[in-house]
Amino acid sequence: CAHVFKLIFKEIKDNIFIYILSIIYLSVSVMNTIFAKRTLNKIGNYSFVTSETHNFICMIMF
């Protein structure tokens, strides 16, 4: 049982950076969605901004 936990812990330690990036990415996505709903009437090119943000984050991750 302890062996399994060690393996899991090692995996998490190796991938912690990716996990953090994923969490940041999700927060940005949620913020974008909320922000867009409030300013959708004012801003027409919201989807463009979102895709730019998305591409930027993907570029950093890979």
PDB file of N, CA and C in Angstrom:
ATOM      1  N   CYS A   1       0.840  -1.210   0.000  1.00  0.00           N
ATOM      2  CA  CYS A   1       0.000   0.000   0.000  1.00  0.00           C
ATOM      3  C   CYS A   1       0.874   1.259   0.000  1.00  0.00           C
ATOM      4  N   ALA A   2       1.889   1.257   0.851  1.00  0.00           N
ATOM      5  CA  ALA A   2       2.784   2.417   0.920  1.00  0.00           C
ATOM      6  C   ALA A   2       3.509   2.611  -0.404  1.00  0.00           C
ATOM      7  N   HIS A   3       3.815   1.486  -1.057  1.00  0.00           N
ATOM      8  CA  HIS A   3       4.508   1.543  -2.351  1.00  0.00           C
ATOM      9  C   HIS A   3       3.670   2.300  -3.382  1.00  0.00           C
ATOM     10  N   VAL A   4       2.373   2.005  -3.393  1.00  0.00           N
ATOM     11  CA  VAL A   4       1.459   2.674  -4.326  1.00  0.00           C
ATOM     12  C   VAL A   4       1.442   4.173  -4.059  1.00  0.00           C
ATOM     13  N   PHE A   5       1.388   4.526  -2.775  1.00  0.00           N
ATOM     14  CA  PHE A   5       1.371   5.948  -2.421  1.00  0.00           C
ATOM     15  C   PHE A   5       2.646   6.640  -2.865  1.00  0.00           C
ATOM     16  N   LYS A   6       3.781   5.937  -2.726  1.00  0.00           N
ATOM     17  CA  LYS A   6       5.062   6.507  -3.165  1.00  0.00           C
ATOM     18  C   LYS A   6       5.028   6.779  -4.657  1.00  0.00           C
ATOM     19  N   LEU A   7       4.491   5.816  -5.413  1.00  0.00           N
ATOM     20  CA  LEU A   7       4.392   5.974  -6.866  1.00  0.00           C
ATOM     21  C   LEU A   7       3.520   7.169  -7.215  1.00  0.00           C
ATOM     22  N   ILE A   8       2.353   7.244  -6.569  1.00  0.00           N
ATOM     23  CA  ILE A   8       1.425   8.349  -6.830  1.00  0.00           C
ATOM     24  C   ILE A   8       2.085   9.676  -6.487  1.00  0.00           C
ATOM     25  N   PHE A   9       2.763   9.709  -5.353  1.00  0.00           N
ATOM     26  CA  PHE A   9       3.422  10.946  -4.925  1.00  0.00           C
ATOM     27  C   PHE A   9       4.483  11.368  -5.929  1.00  0.00           C
ATOM     28  N   LYS A  10       5.240  10.388  -6.435  1.00  0.00           N
ATOM     29  CA  LYS A  10       6.281  10.684  -7.424  1.00  0.00           C
ATOM     30  C   LYS A  10       5.646  11.261  -8.690  1.00  0.00           C
ATOM     31  N   GLU A  11       4.543  10.643  -9.125  1.00  0.00           N
ATOM     32  CA  GLU A  11       3.834  11.136 -10.309  1.00  0.00           C
ATOM     33  C   GLU A  11       3.405  12.583 -10.113  1.00  0.00           C
ATOM     34  N   ILE A  12       2.805  12.851  -8.952  1.00  0.00           N
ATOM     35  CA  ILE A  12       2.320  14.203  -8.672  1.00  0.00           C
ATOM     36  C   ILE A  12       3.485  15.176  -8.643  1.00  0.00           C
ATOM     37  N   LYS A  13       4.593  14.756  -8.026  1.00  0.00           N
ATOM     38  CA  LYS A  13       5.759  15.634  -7.930  1.00  0.00           C
ATOM     39  C   LYS A  13       6.304  15.945  -9.321  1.00  0.00           C
ATOM     40  N   ASP A  14       6.326  14.904 -10.191  1.00  0.00           N
ATOM     41  CA  ASP A  14       6.841  15.099 -11.545  1.00  0.00           C
ATOM     42  C   ASP A  14       5.932  16.007 -12.362  1.00  0.00           C
ATOM     43  N   ASN A  15       4.641  15.916 -12.103  1.00  0.00           N
ATOM     44  CA  ASN A  15       3.674  16.618 -12.949  1.00  0.00           C
ATOM     45  C   ASN A  15       3.064  17.837 -12.287  1.00  0.00           C
ATOM     46  N   ILE A  16       3.600  18.239 -11.132  1.00  0.00           N
ATOM     47  CA  ILE A  16       2.992  19.343 -10.374  1.00  0.00           C
ATOM     48  C   ILE A  16       2.945  20.609 -11.212  1.00  0.00           C
ATOM     49  N   PHE A  17       3.977  20.830 -12.029  1.00  0.00           N
ATOM     50  CA  PHE A  17       4.033  22.034 -12.860  1.00  0.00           C
ATOM     51  C   PHE A  17       2.879  22.046 -13.855  1.00  0.00           C
ATOM     52  N   ILE A  18       2.630  20.888 -14.472  1.00  0.00           N
ATOM     53  CA  ILE A  18       1.533  20.780 -15.442  1.00  0.00           C
ATOM     54  C   ILE A  18       0.197  20.980 -14.741  1.00  0.00           C
ATOM     55  N   TYR A  19       0.071  20.408 -13.523  1.00  0.00           N
ATOM     56  CA  TYR A  19      -1.171  20.584 -12.762  1.00  0.00           C
ATOM     57  C   TYR A  19      -1.420  22.058 -12.473  1.00  0.00           C
ATOM     58  N   ILE A  20      -0.362  22.758 -12.036  1.00  0.00           N
ATOM     59  CA  ILE A  20      -0.502  24.179 -11.711  1.00  0.00           C
ATOM     60  C   ILE A  20      -0.912  24.956 -12.958  1.00  0.00           C
ATOM     61  N   LEU A  21      -0.271  24.656 -14.086  1.00  0.00           N
ATOM     62  CA  LEU A  21      -0.614  25.334 -15.338  1.00  0.00           C
ATOM     63  C   LEU A  21      -2.069  25.067 -15.710  1.00  0.00           C
ATOM     64  N   SER A  22      -2.509  23.833 -15.527  1.00  0.00           N
ATOM     65  CA  SER A  22      -3.896  23.482 -15.848  1.00  0.00           C
ATOM     66  C   SER A  22      -4.863  24.277 -14.989  1.00  0.00           C
ATOM     67  N   ILE A  23      -4.543  24.387 -13.691  1.00  0.00           N
ATOM     68  CA  ILE A  23      -5.416  25.130 -12.777  1.00  0.00           C
ATOM     69  C   ILE A  23      -5.466  26.594 -13.185  1.00  0.00           C
ATOM     70  N   ILE A  24      -4.294  27.159 -13.507  1.00  0.00           N
ATOM     71  CA  ILE A  24      -4.247  28.559 -13.946  1.00  0.00           C
ATOM     72  C   ILE A  24      -5.074  28.718 -15.216  1.00  0.00           C
ATOM     73  N   TYR A  25      -4.897  27.774 -16.143  1.00  0.00           N
ATOM     74  CA  TYR A  25      -5.630  27.832 -17.407  1.00  0.00           C
ATOM     75  C   TYR A  25      -7.140  27.794 -17.170  1.00  0.00           C
ATOM     76  N   LEU A  26      -7.573  26.911 -16.285  1.00  0.00           N
ATOM     77  CA  LEU A  26      -9.001  26.812 -15.982  1.00  0.00           C
ATOM     78  C   LEU A  26      -9.516  28.101 -15.361  1.00  0.00           C
ATOM     79  N   SER A  27      -8.733  28.674 -14.446  1.00  0.00           N
ATOM     80  CA  SER A  27      -9.161  29.929 -13.815  1.00  0.00           C
ATOM     81  C   SER A  27      -9.287  31.024 -14.858  1.00  0.00           C
ATOM     82  N   VAL A  28      -8.318  31.080 -15.775  1.00  0.00           N
ATOM     83  CA  VAL A  28      -8.359  32.100 -16.832  1.00  0.00           C
ATOM     84  C   VAL A  28      -9.600  31.904 -17.694  1.00  0.00           C
ATOM     85  N   SER A  29      -9.897  30.656 -18.030  1.00  0.00           N
ATOM     86  CA  SER A  29     -11.074  30.368 -18.852  1.00  0.00           C
ATOM     87  C   SER A  29     -12.346  30.831 -18.157  1.00  0.00           C
ATOM     88  N   VAL A  30     -12.464  30.507 -16.873  1.00  0.00           N
ATOM     89  CA  VAL A  30     -13.656  30.892 -16.110  1.00  0.00           C
ATOM     90  C   VAL A  30     -13.759  32.407 -16.033  1.00  0.00           C
ATOM     91  N   MET A  31     -12.622  33.062 -15.749  1.00  0.00           N
ATOM     92  CA  MET A  31     -12.608  34.522 -15.666  1.00  0.00           C
ATOM     93  C   MET A  31     -13.027  35.126 -17.004  1.00  0.00           C
ATOM     94  N   ASN A  32     -12.504  34.567 -18.097  1.00  0.00           N
ATOM     95  CA  ASN A  32     -12.860  35.049 -19.429  1.00  0.00           C
ATOM     96  C   ASN A  32     -14.358  34.938 -19.653  1.00  0.00           C
ATOM     97  N   THR A  33     -14.920  33.801 -19.263  1.00  0.00           N
ATOM     98  CA  THR A  33     -16.350  33.576 -19.471  1.00  0.00           C
ATOM     99  C   THR A  33     -17.170  34.594 -18.693  1.00  0.00           C
ATOM    100  N   ILE A  34     -16.831  34.780 -17.423  1.00  0.00           N
ATOM    101  CA  ILE A  34     -17.570  35.734 -16.584  1.00  0.00           C
ATOM    102  C   ILE A  34     -17.411  37.143 -17.148  1.00  0.00           C
ATOM    103  N   PHE A  35     -16.164  37.492 -17.466  1.00  0.00           N
ATOM    104  CA  PHE A  35     -15.867  38.817 -18.004  1.00  0.00           C
ATOM    105  C   PHE A  35     -16.630  39.045 -19.301  1.00  0.00           C
ATOM    106  N   ALA A  36     -16.697  38.014 -20.137  1.00  0.00           N
ATOM    107  CA  ALA A  36     -17.359  38.134 -21.436  1.00  0.00           C
ATOM    108  C   ALA A  36     -18.851  38.368 -21.262  1.00  0.00           C
ATOM    109  N   LYS A  37     -19.455  37.645 -20.318  1.00  0.00           N
ATOM    110  CA  LYS A  37     -20.895  37.793 -20.132  1.00  0.00           C
ATOM    111  C   LYS A  37     -21.248  39.215 -19.730  1.00  0.00           C
ATOM    112  N   ARG A  38     -20.352  39.852 -18.966  1.00  0.00           N
ATOM    113  CA  ARG A  38     -20.634  41.215 -18.515  1.00  0.00           C
ATOM    114  C   ARG A  38     -20.409  42.233 -19.619  1.00  0.00           C
ATOM    115  N   THR A  39     -19.451  41.965 -20.495  1.00  0.00           N
ATOM    116  CA  THR A  39     -19.060  42.983 -21.474  1.00  0.00           C
ATOM    117  C   THR A  39     -19.402  42.565 -22.899  1.00  0.00           C
ATOM    118  N   LEU A  40     -20.201  41.507 -23.029  1.00  0.00           N
ATOM    119  CA  LEU A  40     -20.521  40.982 -24.357  1.00  0.00           C
ATOM    120  C   LEU A  40     -21.211  42.040 -25.206  1.00  0.00           C
ATOM    121  N   ASN A  41     -22.065  42.844 -24.587  1.00  0.00           N
ATOM    122  CA  ASN A  41     -22.786  43.871 -25.332  1.00  0.00           C
ATOM    123  C   ASN A  41     -21.827  44.930 -25.863  1.00  0.00           C
ATOM    124  N   LYS A  42     -20.775  45.230 -25.072  1.00  0.00           N
ATOM    125  CA  LYS A  42     -19.841  46.277 -25.487  1.00  0.00           C
ATOM    126  C   LYS A  42     -18.810  45.754 -26.477  1.00  0.00           C
ATOM    127  N   ILE A  43     -18.342  44.514 -26.232  1.00  0.00           N
ATOM    128  CA  ILE A  43     -17.237  43.992 -27.043  1.00  0.00           C
ATOM    129  C   ILE A  43     -17.764  42.950 -28.019  1.00  0.00           C
ATOM    130  N   GLY A  44     -17.528  43.172 -29.295  1.00  0.00           N
ATOM    131  CA  GLY A  44     -17.989  42.235 -30.311  1.00  0.00           C
ATOM    132  C   GLY A  44     -16.975  41.143 -30.595  1.00  0.00           C
ATOM    133  N   ASN A  45     -15.693  41.443 -30.404  1.00  0.00           N
ATOM    134  CA  ASN A  45     -14.655  40.477 -30.781  1.00  0.00           C
ATOM    135  C   ASN A  45     -14.184  39.680 -29.577  1.00  0.00           C
ATOM    136  N   TYR A  46     -15.131  39.257 -28.733  1.00  0.00           N
ATOM    137  CA  TYR A  46     -14.765  38.498 -27.532  1.00  0.00           C
ATOM    138  C   TYR A  46     -14.113  37.165 -27.891  1.00  0.00           C
ATOM    139  N   SER A  47     -14.697  36.457 -28.857  1.00  0.00           N
ATOM    140  CA  SER A  47     -14.177  35.135 -29.208  1.00  0.00           C
ATOM    141  C   SER A  47     -12.743  35.239 -29.717  1.00  0.00           C
ATOM    142  N   PHE A  48     -12.441  36.339 -30.403  1.00  0.00           N
ATOM    143  CA  PHE A  48     -11.073  36.552 -30.879  1.00  0.00           C
ATOM    144  C   PHE A  48     -10.124  36.669 -29.696  1.00  0.00           C
ATOM    145  N   VAL A  49     -10.515  37.470 -28.708  1.00  0.00           N
ATOM    146  CA  VAL A  49      -9.682  37.661 -27.515  1.00  0.00           C
ATOM    147  C   VAL A  49      -9.476  36.329 -26.802  1.00  0.00           C
ATOM    148  N   THR A  50     -10.558  35.553 -26.681  1.00  0.00           N
ATOM    149  CA  THR A  50     -10.472  34.266 -25.991  1.00  0.00           C
ATOM    150  C   THR A  50      -9.521  33.325 -26.709  1.00  0.00           C
ATOM    151  N   SER A  51      -9.654  33.232 -28.033  1.00  0.00           N
ATOM    152  CA  SER A  51      -8.798  32.312 -28.771  1.00  0.00           C
ATOM    153  C   SER A  51      -7.339  32.756 -28.685  1.00  0.00           C
ATOM    154  N   GLU A  52      -7.117  34.078 -28.664  1.00  0.00           N
ATOM    155  CA  GLU A  52      -5.750  34.577 -28.506  1.00  0.00           C
ATOM    156  C   GLU A  52      -5.190  34.143 -27.158  1.00  0.00           C
ATOM    157  N   THR A  53      -5.981  34.324 -26.097  1.00  0.00           N
ATOM    158  CA  THR A  53      -5.546  33.919 -24.755  1.00  0.00           C
ATOM    159  C   THR A  53      -5.269  32.425 -24.731  1.00  0.00           C
ATOM    160  N   HIS A  54      -6.172  31.662 -25.316  1.00  0.00           N
ATOM    161  CA  HIS A  54      -6.047  30.207 -25.357  1.00  0.00           C
ATOM    162  C   HIS A  54      -4.761  29.803 -26.069  1.00  0.00           C
ATOM    163  N   ASN A  55      -4.498  30.397 -27.241  1.00  0.00           N
ATOM    164  CA  ASN A  55      -3.287  30.081 -27.999  1.00  0.00           C
ATOM    165  C   ASN A  55      -2.047  30.429 -27.204  1.00  0.00           C
ATOM    166  N   PHE A  56      -2.092  31.574 -26.517  1.00  0.00           N
ATOM    167  CA  PHE A  56      -0.952  32.033 -25.727  1.00  0.00           C
ATOM    168  C   PHE A  56      -0.640  31.028 -24.624  1.00  0.00           C
ATOM    169  N   ILE A  57      -1.688  30.559 -23.937  1.00  0.00           N
ATOM    170  CA  ILE A  57      -1.480  29.606 -22.842  1.00  0.00           C
ATOM    171  C   ILE A  57      -0.953  28.285 -23.387  1.00  0.00           C
ATOM    172  N   CYS A  58      -1.503  27.825 -24.512  1.00  0.00           N
ATOM    173  CA  CYS A  58      -1.027  26.578 -25.117  1.00  0.00           C
ATOM    174  C   CYS A  58       0.443  26.710 -25.508  1.00  0.00           C
ATOM    175  N   MET A  59       0.818  27.884 -26.015  1.00  0.00           N
ATOM    176  CA  MET A  59       2.195  28.128 -26.422  1.00  0.00           C
ATOM    177  C   MET A  59       3.124  28.004 -25.218  1.00  0.00           C
ATOM    178  N   ILE A  60       2.699  28.552 -24.067  1.00  0.00           N
ATOM    179  CA  ILE A  60       3.522  28.481 -22.860  1.00  0.00           C
ATOM    180  C   ILE A  60       3.636  27.033 -22.395  1.00  0.00           C
ATOM    181  N   MET A  61       2.521  26.300 -22.457  1.00  0.00           N
ATOM    182  CA  MET A  61       2.508  24.938 -21.918  1.00  0.00           C
ATOM    183  C   MET A  61       3.352  23.990 -22.745  1.00  0.00           C
ATOM    184  N   PHE A  62       3.373  24.164 -24.065  1.00  0.00           N
ATOM    185  CA  PHE A  62       4.090  23.198 -24.914  1.00  0.00           C
ATOM    186  C   PHE A  62       5.305  23.842 -25.557  1.00  0.00           C
TER     187      PHE A  62
END
